């Protein structure tokens, strides 16, 4: 007798939680819920704490800059006027940040593109024809 039907029944018993109910009834099997074990993943607490710190600094960086720049008016002006000043300053900070990031990326790409340009010029200046 072949072992294939036996293996198939073992497979069906192990994986009965994934099989259609009609097929289980046909094979006279019941749904097995034991196989649905959840894996417990280890949490990297150092990484999680570092992300909490980074998120806190990201959220608080603009208010901190505003507080340092406008310390003389923080306690003297009405809140509505301070919010107006904060919104204008926030737009300036955001524009400065975007310009700094874009120029930094442009300089980074330009720095690494220069060797490629000189290599292309060297290939173009050759007097002989290459086959590739």
Foldseek 3Di string as FASTA:
>chain_A
DDCVVVVVVVVCQLPVQPDDPVVCVVVVHDRDPPNPDDDDDDDDVVVVVVVVVVVVCVVCVLVVVLCVVPVVCPPPDDPVVSVVVSVVVVVVVVVVVVVVVVVVVVVVVVVVCVVVVVVVVVVVPDPDDDPD
